Amino acid sequence: MSGGVLVVSEWFHAHVPPRKSGHLEEPGRLRRALRALESFGVAGGWRREKPGQQSIRYFERVHDPLYIQGLLSELEVALDSYFIDSDTYVSPGTQGALEALAGSALLSVELVSGGAAQRVFILGRPPGHHVGVNGPGLGAPSLGGCLVNTAAAVAVDLSRHGSVAIVDFDLHHGNGSQEVLQALRPGNVFMIDVHQDYRKTFPWTGSPGEGAEAGVLNINLPEGAGDDVMEAVIEGVAGLLEEASPDYVVVSAGFGLYKGDSPLTLTRLTSRSFHGLGRLLSRWATVAVLELGFRDGLERGLPAFVAGLQGVEDPVGDEASSSGEDVWSEFEKLNKDVAEFY
């Protein structure tokens, strides 16, 4: 199977945190990601495309125009980098980065819906799945480093051309994307969100059963979950996707679930899990959007996932991690409300 289109822009490096803040969501993430794709030999199968700059009003597909206007007003006075909430910042280059995300979203929808590409990966930033209709999704205490929800906007845009499944495997629950689906209720979009135990992880939403009325399925991974637990989840998700048979899949691709990726990571997933996710999603016309992931997740999980999407073997080749009986028991207890789906 051939590769796809990797959407990259120098503008994605222009969104920079305040000096000496130590913020983990910074431009070095993309440099690590690109180096990893090249060093593991999976970048060559993907042609690179540079998006045009588009107005961030594109994101009014999923955000209230008043939220977008307020964000634009904030960006107009951003003469230096500063925090707008406890986790989220803007800088003089942020508007350019968001305009590049809008251009990337439009390009991706055009490529996939028109049949010019089977898979597209927007390797951009800032991430977005925590942004709901009017700001922080589902009443979260902050935007979680996000400013616009690219994955949700792509999904809603693609829904004009057919049915769409959002698959979110970021460490954190995609509270913003869930809120968008609950508010807009697009009849041909549903969402599967696999994330770390909601009781121990920002934004503390995403319990199993939550959002079901809007077509959202939340699956929680307990502390200590290894590749064997994720293999069971992937098998269940495969069954759901095969039954629903969406025309398109939009992926919120986060890599924080990779073991030791950051101090927030409680799971023990290796490259095997991310390669398995890529293999599964390679069956559909797919647009993937980079969410979070900081170090080992980007350096080892990302190339494994891209190789899976490309239909080639896992170039990282981590040894599989296993979960103890207590972890399996906690997994079953956590997900008892949606047990029939995995």
C-alpha atoms as a PDB file:
ATOM      1  CA  MET A   1       0.000   0.000   0.000  1.00  0.00           C
ATOM      2  CA  SER A   2       1.350   3.447  -0.886  1.00  0.00           C
ATOM      3  CA  GLY A   3       1.714   6.310   1.549  1.00  0.00           C
ATOM      4  CA  GLY A   4      -0.237   9.506   1.473  1.00  0.00           C
ATOM      5  CA  VAL A   5       0.061  13.252   1.906  1.00  0.00           C
ATOM      6  CA  LEU A   6       1.881  14.823   4.836  1.00  0.00           C
ATOM      7  CA  VAL A   7       0.686  18.416   5.329  1.00  0.00           C
ATOM      8  CA  VAL A   8       3.381  20.619   6.883  1.00  0.00           C
ATOM      9  CA  SER A   9       3.948  24.358   7.159  1.00  0.00           C
ATOM     10  CA  GLU A  10       6.669  26.559   8.633  1.00  0.00           C
ATOM     11  CA  TRP A  11       3.840  28.524  10.251  1.00  0.00           C
ATOM     12  CA  PHE A  12       3.223  25.641  12.660  1.00  0.00           C
ATOM     13  CA  HIS A  13       6.556  26.547  14.313  1.00  0.00           C
ATOM     14  CA  ALA A  14       5.518  30.202  14.806  1.00  0.00           C
ATOM     15  CA  HIS A  15       3.167  29.495  17.729  1.00  0.00           C
ATOM     16  CA  VAL A  16       5.623  29.748  20.638  1.00  0.00           C
ATOM     17  CA  PRO A  17       5.146  29.659  24.429  1.00  0.00           C
ATOM     18  CA  PRO A  18       6.283  32.425  26.782  1.00  0.00           C
ATOM     19  CA  ARG A  19      10.006  32.350  27.443  1.00  0.00           C
ATOM     20  CA  LYS A  20      11.097  30.220  30.398  1.00  0.00           C
ATOM     21  CA  SER A  21       7.560  28.856  30.858  1.00  0.00           C
ATOM     22  CA  GLY A  22       8.672  25.268  30.251  1.00  0.00           C
ATOM     23  CA  HIS A  23       5.434  24.578  28.365  1.00  0.00           C
ATOM     24  CA  LEU A  24       5.531  21.092  26.821  1.00  0.00           C
ATOM     25  CA  GLU A  25       3.464  22.117  23.782  1.00  0.00           C
ATOM     26  CA  GLU A  26       6.194  23.915  21.819  1.00  0.00           C
ATOM     27  CA  PRO A  27       7.671  23.913  18.283  1.00  0.00           C
ATOM     28  CA  GLY A  28      10.293  21.285  19.119  1.00  0.00           C
ATOM     29  CA  ARG A  29       7.488  18.705  19.061  1.00  0.00           C
ATOM     30  CA  LEU A  30       7.234  18.977  15.297  1.00  0.00           C
ATOM     31  CA  ARG A  31      10.983  18.812  14.800  1.00  0.00           C
ATOM     32  CA  ARG A  32      11.107  15.601  16.841  1.00  0.00           C
ATOM     33  CA  ALA A  33       8.164  14.202  14.894  1.00  0.00           C
ATOM     34  CA  LEU A  34       9.685  14.879  11.483  1.00  0.00           C
ATOM     35  CA  ARG A  35      13.094  13.543  12.536  1.00  0.00           C
ATOM     36  CA  ALA A  36      11.457  10.362  13.790  1.00  0.00           C
ATOM     37  CA  LEU A  37       9.542   9.789  10.550  1.00  0.00           C
ATOM     38  CA  GLU A  38      12.762  10.225   8.596  1.00  0.00           C
ATOM     39  CA  SER A  39      14.989   8.160  10.889  1.00  0.00           C
ATOM     40  CA  PHE A  40      12.612   5.193  10.832  1.00  0.00           C
ATOM     41  CA  GLY A  41      12.301   5.422   7.061  1.00  0.00           C
ATOM     42  CA  VAL A  42       8.557   6.032   6.796  1.00  0.00           C
ATOM     43  CA  ALA A  43       8.600   9.653   5.586  1.00  0.00           C
ATOM     44  CA  GLY A  44       9.622   8.701   2.065  1.00  0.00           C
ATOM     45  CA  GLY A  45       6.311   7.061   1.287  1.00  0.00           C
ATOM     46  CA  TRP A  46       4.447  10.332   1.880  1.00  0.00           C
ATOM     47  CA  ARG A  47       4.540  13.347  -0.367  1.00  0.00           C
ATOM     48  CA  ARG A  48       4.660  16.664   1.440  1.00  0.00           C
ATOM     49  CA  GLU A  49       2.194  19.443   0.713  1.00  0.00           C
ATOM     50  CA  LYS A  50       2.283  22.982   2.027  1.00  0.00           C
ATOM     51  CA  PRO A  51      -1.166  24.394   2.806  1.00  0.00           C
ATOM     52  CA  GLY A  52      -2.282  27.866   1.872  1.00  0.00           C
ATOM     53  CA  GLN A  53      -3.249  30.368   4.545  1.00  0.00           C
ATOM     54  CA  GLN A  54      -7.012  30.582   5.111  1.00  0.00           C
ATOM     55  CA  SER A  55      -9.107  32.687   7.473  1.00  0.00           C
ATOM     56  CA  ILE A  56      -9.655  31.089  10.844  1.00  0.00           C
ATOM     57  CA  ARG A  57     -13.342  31.816  10.317  1.00  0.00           C
ATOM     58  CA  TYR A  58     -13.221  28.410   8.608  1.00  0.00           C
ATOM     59  CA  PHE A  59     -13.564  27.016  12.129  1.00  0.00           C
ATOM     60  CA  GLU A  60     -16.994  28.605  12.535  1.00  0.00           C
ATOM     61  CA  ARG A  61     -18.171  25.250  11.167  1.00  0.00           C
ATOM     62  CA  VAL A  62     -17.772  23.995  14.725  1.00  0.00           C
ATOM     63  CA  HIS A  63     -17.214  27.091  16.904  1.00  0.00           C
ATOM     64  CA  ASP A  64     -19.550  29.961  17.739  1.00  0.00           C
ATOM     65  CA  PRO A  65     -18.634  33.013  15.614  1.00  0.00           C
ATOM     66  CA  LEU A  66     -18.366  35.027  18.826  1.00  0.00           C
ATOM     67  CA  TYR A  67     -15.650  32.652  20.075  1.00  0.00           C
ATOM     68  CA  ILE A  68     -13.714  33.033  16.811  1.00  0.00           C
ATOM     69  CA  GLN A  69     -14.138  36.830  16.883  1.00  0.00           C
ATOM     70  CA  GLY A  70     -12.883  36.921  20.457  1.00  0.00           C
ATOM     71  CA  LEU A  71      -9.881  34.797  19.498  1.00  0.00           C
ATOM     72  CA  LEU A  72      -9.101  37.093  16.557  1.00  0.00           C
ATOM     73  CA  SER A  73      -9.308  40.113  18.846  1.00  0.00           C
ATOM     74  CA  GLU A  74      -6.881  38.423  21.253  1.00  0.00           C
ATOM     75  CA  LEU A  75      -4.451  37.661  18.439  1.00  0.00           C
ATOM     76  CA  GLU A  76      -4.509  41.235  17.132  1.00  0.00           C
ATOM     77  CA  VAL A  77      -2.946  42.497  20.361  1.00  0.00           C
ATOM     78  CA  ALA A  78      -0.494  39.604  20.851  1.00  0.00           C
ATOM     79  CA  LEU A  79       2.785  41.522  20.707  1.00  0.00           C
ATOM     80  CA  ASP A  80       4.487  38.865  22.812  1.00  0.00           C
ATOM     81  CA  SER A  81       3.708  35.346  24.017  1.00  0.00           C
ATOM     82  CA  TYR A  82       1.382  35.172  27.000  1.00  0.00           C
ATOM     83  CA  PHE A  83      -1.084  32.823  28.673  1.00  0.00           C
ATOM     84  CA  ILE A  84      -4.820  33.273  28.137  1.00  0.00           C
ATOM     85  CA  ASP A  85      -5.603  30.549  30.693  1.00  0.00           C
ATOM     86  CA  SER A  86      -3.626  28.187  32.909  1.00  0.00           C
ATOM     87  CA  ASP A  87      -2.616  25.859  30.022  1.00  0.00           C
ATOM     88  CA  THR A  88      -3.052  27.888  26.852  1.00  0.00           C
ATOM     89  CA  TYR A  89      -1.016  30.687  25.307  1.00  0.00           C
ATOM     90  CA  VAL A  90      -0.970  32.911  22.237  1.00  0.00           C
ATOM     91  CA  SER A  91       1.987  34.578  20.537  1.00  0.00           C
ATOM     92  CA  PRO A  92       2.636  36.918  17.600  1.00  0.00           C
ATOM     93  CA  GLY A  93       2.859  33.893  15.277  1.00  0.00           C
ATOM     94  CA  THR A  94      -0.273  32.157  16.520  1.00  0.00           C
ATOM     95  CA  GLN A  95      -2.623  33.660  13.938  1.00  0.00           C
ATOM     96  CA  GLY A  96      -0.376  32.444  11.134  1.00  0.00           C
ATOM     97  CA  ALA A  97      -0.338  28.946  12.645  1.00  0.00           C
ATOM     98  CA  LEU A  98      -4.139  28.881  12.912  1.00  0.00           C
ATOM     99  CA  GLU A  99      -4.513  30.160   9.356  1.00  0.00           C
ATOM    100  CA  ALA A 100      -2.216  27.332   8.233  1.00  0.00           C
ATOM    101  CA  LEU A 101      -4.410  24.868  10.132  1.00  0.00           C
ATOM    102  CA  ALA A 102      -7.466  26.232   8.315  1.00  0.00           C
ATOM    103  CA  GLY A 103      -5.640  25.853   5.012  1.00  0.00           C
ATOM    104  CA  SER A 104      -4.581  22.321   5.972  1.00  0.00           C
ATOM    105  CA  ALA A 105      -8.142  21.356   6.835  1.00  0.00           C
ATOM    106  CA  LEU A 106      -9.497  22.667   3.526  1.00  0.00           C
ATOM    107  CA  LEU A 107      -6.710  20.947   1.576  1.00  0.00           C
ATOM    108  CA  SER A 108      -7.285  17.645   3.372  1.00  0.00           C
ATOM    109  CA  VAL A 109     -11.021  17.656   2.729  1.00  0.00           C
ATOM    110  CA  GLU A 110     -10.414  18.483  -0.928  1.00  0.00           C
ATOM    111  CA  LEU A 111      -7.826  15.709  -1.365  1.00  0.00           C
ATOM    112  CA  VAL A 112      -9.763  12.961   0.381  1.00  0.00           C
ATOM    113  CA  SER A 113     -13.284  13.773  -0.778  1.00  0.00           C
ATOM    114  CA  GLY A 114     -12.048  14.220  -4.335  1.00  0.00           C
ATOM    115  CA  GLY A 115     -10.220  10.903  -4.342  1.00  0.00           C
ATOM    116  CA  ALA A 116      -6.788  12.465  -4.890  1.00  0.00           C
ATOM    117  CA  ALA A 117      -5.464  10.899  -1.666  1.00  0.00           C
ATOM    118  CA  GLN A 118      -6.538   7.944   0.464  1.00  0.00           C
ATOM    119  CA  ARG A 119      -4.815   9.243   3.574  1.00  0.00           C
ATOM    120  CA  VAL A 120      -3.666  12.663   4.761  1.00  0.00           C
ATOM    121  CA  PHE A 121      -1.794  13.555   7.940  1.00  0.00           C
ATOM    122  CA  ILE A 122      -1.863  17.165   9.165  1.00  0.00           C
ATOM    123  CA  LEU A 123       1.380  17.411  11.122  1.00  0.00           C
ATOM    124  CA  GLY A 124       0.520  20.735  12.691  1.00  0.00           C
ATOM    125  CA  ARG A 125      -0.016  22.580  15.918  1.00  0.00           C
ATOM    126  CA  PRO A 126      -1.464  23.856  18.195  1.00  0.00           C
ATOM    127  CA  PRO A 127      -3.615  20.803  18.975  1.00  0.00           C
ATOM    128  CA  GLY A 128      -7.372  21.213  19.091  1.00  0.00           C
ATOM    129  CA  HIS A 129      -9.583  18.483  20.475  1.00  0.00           C
ATOM    130  CA  HIS A 130     -10.218  20.235  23.809  1.00  0.00           C
ATOM    131  CA  VAL A 131     -12.002  23.182  22.139  1.00  0.00           C
ATOM    132  CA  GLY A 132     -15.779  23.012  22.186  1.00  0.00           C
ATOM    133  CA  VAL A 133     -18.357  25.317  20.677  1.00  0.00           C
ATOM    134  CA  ASN A 134     -17.560  28.391  22.792  1.00  0.00           C
ATOM    135  CA  GLY A 135     -14.156  27.552  24.269  1.00  0.00           C
ATOM    136  CA  PRO A 136     -13.199  24.834  26.782  1.00  0.00           C
ATOM    137  CA  GLY A 137     -15.305  21.761  26.029  1.00  0.00           C
ATOM    138  CA  LEU A 138     -17.819  20.368  28.524  1.00  0.00           C
ATOM    139  CA  GLY A 139     -16.977  22.954  31.168  1.00  0.00           C
ATOM    140  CA  ALA A 140     -13.276  22.063  31.423  1.00  0.00           C
ATOM    141  CA  PRO A 141     -11.129  24.479  33.458  1.00  0.00           C
ATOM    142  CA  SER A 142      -9.013  25.462  30.435  1.00  0.00           C
ATOM    143  CA  LEU A 143      -8.500  24.993  26.708  1.00  0.00           C
ATOM    144  CA  GLY A 144      -5.707  22.513  27.450  1.00  0.00           C
ATOM    145  CA  GLY A 145      -3.279  24.208  25.079  1.00  0.00           C
ATOM    146  CA  CYS A 146      -5.794  24.184  22.205  1.00  0.00           C
ATOM    147  CA  LEU A 147      -7.312  27.116  20.290  1.00  0.00           C
ATOM    148  CA  VAL A 148      -9.370  25.681  17.406  1.00  0.00           C
ATOM    149  CA  ASN A 149     -10.668  22.154  16.845  1.00  0.00           C
ATOM    150  CA  THR A 150      -9.187  21.089  13.516  1.00  0.00           C
ATOM    151  CA  ALA A 151     -10.305  17.456  13.671  1.00  0.00           C
ATOM    152  CA  ALA A 152     -13.926  18.355  14.425  1.00  0.00           C
ATOM    153  CA  ALA A 153     -13.950  20.970  11.652  1.00  0.00           C
ATOM    154  CA  VAL A 154     -12.569  18.471   9.123  1.00  0.00           C
ATOM    155  CA  ALA A 155     -15.162  15.887  10.203  1.00  0.00           C
ATOM    156  CA  VAL A 156     -18.077  18.310   9.849  1.00  0.00           C
ATOM    157  CA  ASP A 157     -16.729  19.535   6.505  1.00  0.00           C
ATOM    158  CA  LEU A 158     -16.307  15.958   5.223  1.00  0.00           C
ATOM    159  CA  SER A 159     -19.820  15.078   6.379  1.00  0.00           C
ATOM    160  CA  ARG A 160     -21.085  17.043   3.354  1.00  0.00           C
ATOM    161  CA  HIS A 161     -19.591  14.260   1.227  1.00  0.00           C
ATOM    162  CA  GLY A 162     -20.525  11.174   3.245  1.00  0.00           C
ATOM    163  CA  SER A 163     -20.567   9.548   6.670  1.00  0.00           C
ATOM    164  CA  VAL A 164     -17.667  10.192   9.041  1.00  0.00           C
ATOM    165  CA  ALA A 165     -16.172   8.450  12.060  1.00  0.00           C
ATOM    166  CA  ILE A 166     -13.929  10.425  14.404  1.00  0.00           C
ATOM    167  CA  VAL A 167     -11.390   8.169  16.124  1.00  0.00           C
ATOM    168  CA  ASP A 168      -9.526   9.906  18.955  1.00  0.00           C
ATOM    169  CA  PHE A 169      -6.705   8.055  20.728  1.00  0.00           C
ATOM    170  CA  ASP A 170      -5.030  10.961  22.472  1.00  0.00           C
ATOM    171  CA  LEU A 171      -4.144  10.375  26.138  1.00  0.00           C
ATOM    172  CA  HIS A 172      -6.776  12.981  27.062  1.00  0.00           C
ATOM    173  CA  HIS A 173     -10.481  12.770  26.331  1.00  0.00           C
ATOM    174  CA  GLY A 174     -11.552  14.820  23.309  1.00  0.00           C
ATOM    175  CA  ASN A 175     -14.046  16.842  25.332  1.00  0.00           C
ATOM    176  CA  GLY A 176     -14.240  19.603  22.748  1.00  0.00           C
ATOM    177  CA  SER A 177     -15.030  17.214  19.910  1.00  0.00           C
ATOM    178  CA  GLN A 178     -17.671  15.487  22.010  1.00  0.00           C
ATOM    179  CA  GLU A 179     -19.273  18.821  22.858  1.00  0.00           C
ATOM    180  CA  VAL A 180     -19.354  19.775  19.161  1.00  0.00           C
ATOM    181  CA  LEU A 181     -21.197  16.563  18.308  1.00  0.00           C
ATOM    182  CA  GLN A 182     -23.607  17.039  21.199  1.00  0.00           C
ATOM    183  CA  ALA A 183     -24.337  20.601  20.082  1.00  0.00           C
ATOM    184  CA  LEU A 184     -24.491  20.187  16.304  1.00  0.00           C
ATOM    185  CA  ARG A 185     -25.856  16.636  16.141  1.00  0.00           C
ATOM    186  CA  PRO A 186     -24.668  15.955  12.593  1.00  0.00           C
ATOM    187  CA  GLY A 187     -26.572  12.775  11.778  1.00  0.00           C
ATOM    188  CA  ASN A 188     -23.757  11.176   9.793  1.00  0.00           C
ATOM    189  CA  VAL A 189     -20.843  11.725  12.210  1.00  0.00           C
ATOM    190  CA  PHE A 190     -20.010   9.529  15.189  1.00  0.00           C
ATOM    191  CA  MET A 191     -16.995   9.350  17.483  1.00  0.00           C
ATOM    192  CA  ILE A 192     -14.931   6.684  19.240  1.00  0.00           C
ATOM    193  CA  ASP A 193     -12.622   8.105  21.901  1.00  0.00           C
ATOM    194  CA  VAL A 194      -9.991   5.898  23.569  1.00  0.00           C
ATOM    195  CA  HIS A 195      -8.225   7.685  26.405  1.00  0.00           C
ATOM    196  CA  GLN A 196      -6.641   7.320  29.813  1.00  0.00           C
ATOM    197  CA  ASP A 197      -8.815   6.822  32.919  1.00  0.00           C
ATOM    198  CA  TYR A 198     -10.983   9.958  33.017  1.00  0.00           C
ATOM    199  CA  ARG A 199     -10.880   9.998  36.834  1.00  0.00           C
ATOM    200  CA  LYS A 200      -7.122  10.619  36.817  1.00  0.00           C
ATOM    201  CA  THR A 201      -6.632  12.761  33.723  1.00  0.00           C
ATOM    202  CA  PHE A 202      -7.482  16.253  32.444  1.00  0.00           C
ATOM    203  CA  PRO A 203     -10.172  17.240  31.463  1.00  0.00           C
ATOM    204  CA  TRP A 204     -11.869  14.719  33.809  1.00  0.00           C
ATOM    205  CA  THR A 205     -14.618  13.945  31.298  1.00  0.00           C
ATOM    206  CA  GLY A 206     -15.178  10.994  28.990  1.00  0.00           C
ATOM    207  CA  SER A 207     -16.632   8.380  31.282  1.00  0.00           C
ATOM    208  CA  PRO A 208     -18.040   5.320  29.486  1.00  0.00           C
ATOM    209  CA  GLY A 209     -21.602   6.007  28.382  1.00  0.00           C
ATOM    210  CA  GLU A 210     -21.144   9.789  28.380  1.00  0.00           C
ATOM    211  CA  GLY A 211     -22.178  11.375  25.075  1.00  0.00           C
ATOM    212  CA  ALA A 212     -23.892   8.236  23.783  1.00  0.00           C
ATOM    213  CA  GLU A 213     -26.971  10.231  22.754  1.00  0.00           C
ATOM    214  CA  ALA A 214     -24.773  12.119  20.270  1.00  0.00           C
ATOM    215  CA  GLY A 215     -23.085   9.034  18.852  1.00  0.00           C
ATOM    216  CA  VAL A 216     -20.010   9.134  21.100  1.00  0.00           C
ATOM    217  CA  LEU A 217     -18.384   5.998  22.520  1.00  0.00           C
ATOM    218  CA  ASN A 218     -15.822   6.593  25.275  1.00  0.00           C
ATOM    219  CA  ILE A 219     -13.409   3.769  26.149  1.00  0.00           C
ATOM    220  CA  ASN A 220     -11.113   4.268  29.147  1.00  0.00           C
ATOM    221  CA  LEU A 221      -7.667   2.732  29.621  1.00  0.00           C
ATOM    222  CA  PRO A 222      -6.711   2.148  33.264  1.00  0.00           C
ATOM    223  CA  GLU A 223      -3.352   2.923  34.805  1.00  0.00           C
ATOM    224  CA  GLY A 224      -0.837   0.268  33.757  1.00  0.00           C
ATOM    225  CA  ALA A 225      -2.679  -0.759  30.574  1.00  0.00           C
ATOM    226  CA  GLY A 226      -0.355  -2.450  28.092  1.00  0.00           C
ATOM    227  CA  ASP A 227      -0.494  -3.513  24.476  1.00  0.00           C
ATOM    228  CA  ASP A 228      -2.683  -6.519  25.237  1.00  0.00           C
ATOM    229  CA  VAL A 229      -5.468  -4.255  26.530  1.00  0.00           C
ATOM    230  CA  MET A 230      -5.145  -1.986  23.496  1.00  0.00           C
ATOM    231  CA  GLU A 231      -5.221  -5.015  21.193  1.00  0.00           C
ATOM    232  CA  ALA A 232      -8.618  -5.927  22.636  1.00  0.00           C
ATOM    233  CA  VAL A 233      -9.791  -2.330  22.188  1.00  0.00           C
ATOM    234  CA  ILE A 234      -8.586  -2.254  18.573  1.00  0.00           C
ATOM    235  CA  GLU A 235     -10.468  -5.465  17.848  1.00  0.00           C
ATOM    236  CA  GLY A 236     -13.657  -3.965  19.265  1.00  0.00           C
ATOM    237  CA  VAL A 237     -13.197  -0.685  17.398  1.00  0.00           C
ATOM    238  CA  ALA A 238     -12.580  -2.635  14.182  1.00  0.00           C
ATOM    239  CA  GLY A 239     -15.925  -4.362  14.576  1.00  0.00           C
ATOM    240  CA  LEU A 240     -17.707  -1.060  15.148  1.00  0.00           C
ATOM    241  CA  LEU A 241     -16.117   0.605  12.141  1.00  0.00           C
ATOM    242  CA  GLU A 242     -16.762  -2.370   9.879  1.00  0.00           C
ATOM    243  CA  GLU A 243     -20.403  -2.424  10.899  1.00  0.00           C
ATOM    244  CA  ALA A 244     -20.849   1.347  10.478  1.00  0.00           C
ATOM    245  CA  SER A 245     -18.798   1.425   7.259  1.00  0.00           C
ATOM    246  CA  PRO A 246     -18.082   5.184   7.262  1.00  0.00           C
ATOM    247  CA  ASP A 247     -17.035   6.885   4.061  1.00  0.00           C
ATOM    248  CA  TYR A 248     -14.267   8.739   5.896  1.00  0.00           C
ATOM    249  CA  VAL A 249     -12.359   8.515   9.168  1.00  0.00           C
ATOM    250  CA  VAL A 250     -10.931  11.584  10.908  1.00  0.00           C
ATOM    251  CA  VAL A 251      -8.263  10.774  13.486  1.00  0.00           C
ATOM    252  CA  SER A 252      -7.307  12.862  16.503  1.00  0.00           C
ATOM    253  CA  ALA A 253      -3.861  11.306  16.678  1.00  0.00           C
ATOM    254  CA  GLY A 254      -2.233  11.796  20.056  1.00  0.00           C
ATOM    255  CA  PHE A 255       0.776   9.820  21.257  1.00  0.00           C
ATOM    256  CA  GLY A 256       0.815  10.528  24.993  1.00  0.00           C
ATOM    257  CA  LEU A 257      -0.367   6.984  25.765  1.00  0.00           C
ATOM    258  CA  TYR A 258       3.082   5.708  24.769  1.00  0.00           C
ATOM    259  CA  LYS A 259       4.901   4.484  27.888  1.00  0.00           C
ATOM    260  CA  GLY A 260       6.876   7.242  29.602  1.00  0.00           C
ATOM    261  CA  ASP A 261       5.976   9.920  27.048  1.00  0.00           C
ATOM    262  CA  SER A 262       5.379  12.493  29.780  1.00  0.00           C
ATOM    263  CA  PRO A 263       4.743  12.659  33.544  1.00  0.00           C
ATOM    264  CA  LEU A 264       1.017  12.524  32.687  1.00  0.00           C
ATOM    265  CA  THR A 265       1.274   9.072  31.082  1.00  0.00           C
ATOM    266  CA  LEU A 266      -0.083   6.231  33.212  1.00  0.00           C
ATOM    267  CA  THR A 267      -0.354   3.606  30.453  1.00  0.00           C
ATOM    268  CA  ARG A 268       2.389   1.352  29.040  1.00  0.00           C
ATOM    269  CA  LEU A 269       1.630   1.226  25.329  1.00  0.00           C
ATOM    270  CA  THR A 270       4.459   0.613  22.863  1.00  0.00           C
ATOM    271  CA  SER A 271       4.893   0.987  19.119  1.00  0.00           C
ATOM    272  CA  ARG A 272       2.840  -2.185  18.663  1.00  0.00           C
ATOM    273  CA  SER A 273      -0.366  -0.471  19.769  1.00  0.00           C
ATOM    274  CA  PHE A 274       0.133   2.529  17.512  1.00  0.00           C
ATOM    275  CA  HIS A 275       1.079   0.370  14.556  1.00  0.00           C
ATOM    276  CA  GLY A 276      -2.072  -1.674  15.147  1.00  0.00           C
ATOM    277  CA  LEU A 277      -4.170   1.492  15.176  1.00  0.00           C
ATOM    278  CA  GLY A 278      -2.603   2.606  11.904  1.00  0.00           C
ATOM    279  CA  ARG A 279      -3.192  -0.793  10.299  1.00  0.00           C
ATOM    280  CA  LEU A 280      -6.836  -0.686  11.304  1.00  0.00           C
ATOM    281  CA  LEU A 281      -7.473   2.858  10.062  1.00  0.00           C
ATOM    282  CA  SER A 282      -5.658   2.251   6.774  1.00  0.00           C
ATOM    283  CA  ARG A 283      -8.814   0.486   5.548  1.00  0.00           C
ATOM    284  CA  TRP A 284     -10.659   3.811   5.190  1.00  0.00           C
ATOM    285  CA  ALA A 285     -10.092   7.153   3.516  1.00  0.00           C
ATOM    286  CA  THR A 286      -8.461   8.928   6.452  1.00  0.00           C
ATOM    287  CA  VAL A 287      -7.473  12.406   7.587  1.00  0.00           C
ATOM    288  CA  ALA A 288      -5.273  12.325  10.698  1.00  0.00           C
ATOM    289  CA  VAL A 289      -4.652  15.449  12.777  1.00  0.00           C
ATOM    290  CA  LEU A 290      -1.776  15.620  15.265  1.00  0.00           C
ATOM    291  CA  GLU A 291      -2.958  16.261  18.813  1.00  0.00           C
ATOM    292  CA  LEU A 292      -0.562  15.823  21.760  1.00  0.00           C
ATOM    293  CA  GLY A 293       2.434  13.615  22.446  1.00  0.00           C
ATOM    294  CA  PHE A 294       5.756  15.052  23.531  1.00  0.00           C
ATOM    295  CA  ARG A 295       8.812  12.820  23.493  1.00  0.00           C
ATOM    296  CA  ASP A 296       8.898   9.027  23.097  1.00  0.00           C
ATOM    297  CA  GLY A 297       5.320   9.039  21.854  1.00  0.00           C
ATOM    298  CA  LEU A 298       6.309  11.240  18.922  1.00  0.00           C
ATOM    299  CA  GLU A 299       9.693   9.614  18.426  1.00  0.00           C
ATOM    300  CA  ARG A 300       8.470   5.988  18.469  1.00  0.00           C
ATOM    301  CA  GLY A 301       4.664   5.868  18.527  1.00  0.00           C
ATOM    302  CA  LEU A 302       4.173   8.289  15.623  1.00  0.00           C
ATOM    303  CA  PRO A 303       6.419   6.497  13.084  1.00  0.00           C
ATOM    304  CA  ALA A 304       4.815   3.177  14.043  1.00  0.00           C
ATOM    305  CA  PHE A 305       1.340   4.628  13.460  1.00  0.00           C
ATOM    306  CA  VAL A 306       2.325   6.168  10.114  1.00  0.00           C
ATOM    307  CA  ALA A 307       3.865   2.858   9.024  1.00  0.00           C
ATOM    308  CA  GLY A 308       0.607   1.137   9.928  1.00  0.00           C
ATOM    309  CA  LEU A 309      -1.373   3.657   7.882  1.00  0.00           C
ATOM    310  CA  GLN A 310       1.021   3.059   5.015  1.00  0.00           C
ATOM    311  CA  GLY A 311       0.542  -0.702   5.236  1.00  0.00           C
ATOM    312  CA  VAL A 312       4.160  -1.574   6.044  1.00  0.00           C
ATOM    313  CA  GLU A 313       5.703  -3.362   9.006  1.00  0.00           C
ATOM    314  CA  ASP A 314       6.393  -1.611  12.307  1.00  0.00           C
ATOM    315  CA  PRO A 315       9.877  -0.100  11.885  1.00  0.00           C
ATOM    316  CA  VAL A 316      10.223   0.598  15.620  1.00  0.00           C
ATOM    317  CA  GLY A 317       9.673  -2.959  16.770  1.00  0.00           C
ATOM    318  CA  ASP A 318       9.172  -2.468  20.502  1.00  0.00           C
ATOM    319  CA  GLU A 319       8.711  -5.534  22.664  1.00  0.00           C
ATOM    320  CA  ALA A 320       5.034  -5.875  23.545  1.00  0.00           C
ATOM    321  CA  SER A 321       3.914  -4.864  27.022  1.00  0.00           C
ATOM    322  CA  SER A 322       1.476  -6.969  29.040  1.00  0.00           C
ATOM    323  CA  SER A 323      -1.089  -6.040  31.676  1.00  0.00           C
ATOM    324  CA  GLY A 324      -1.558  -7.810  34.971  1.00  0.00           C
ATOM    325  CA  GLU A 325      -4.852  -9.339  36.088  1.00  0.00           C
ATOM    326  CA  ASP A 326      -5.543  -6.299  38.250  1.00  0.00           C
ATOM    327  CA  VAL A 327      -5.279  -4.019  35.208  1.00  0.00           C
ATOM    328  CA  TRP A 328      -7.643  -6.214  33.185  1.00  0.00           C
ATOM    329  CA  SER A 329     -10.068  -6.237  36.083  1.00  0.00           C
ATOM    330  CA  GLU A 330      -9.940  -2.448  36.311  1.00  0.00           C
ATOM    331  CA  PHE A 331     -10.403  -2.147  32.544  1.00  0.00           C
ATOM    332  CA  GLU A 332     -13.546  -4.257  32.675  1.00  0.00           C
ATOM    333  CA  LYS A 333     -14.861  -2.366  35.701  1.00  0.00           C
ATOM    334  CA  LEU A 334     -14.162   1.037  34.132  1.00  0.00           C
ATOM    335  CA  ASN A 335     -15.887   0.154  30.873  1.00  0.00           C
ATOM    336  CA  LYS A 336     -18.760  -1.962  32.181  1.00  0.00           C
ATOM    337  CA  ASP A 337     -21.312   0.503  30.772  1.00  0.00           C
ATOM    338  CA  VAL A 338     -20.041  -0.043  27.210  1.00  0.00           C
ATOM    339  CA  ALA A 339     -18.738  -3.594  27.556  1.00  0.00           C
ATOM    340  CA  GLU A 340     -20.671  -4.867  24.542  1.00  0.00           C
ATOM    341  CA  PHE A 341     -18.679  -2.609  22.214  1.00  0.00           C
ATOM    342  CA  TYR A 342     -15.153  -3.931  22.769  1.00  0.00           C
END
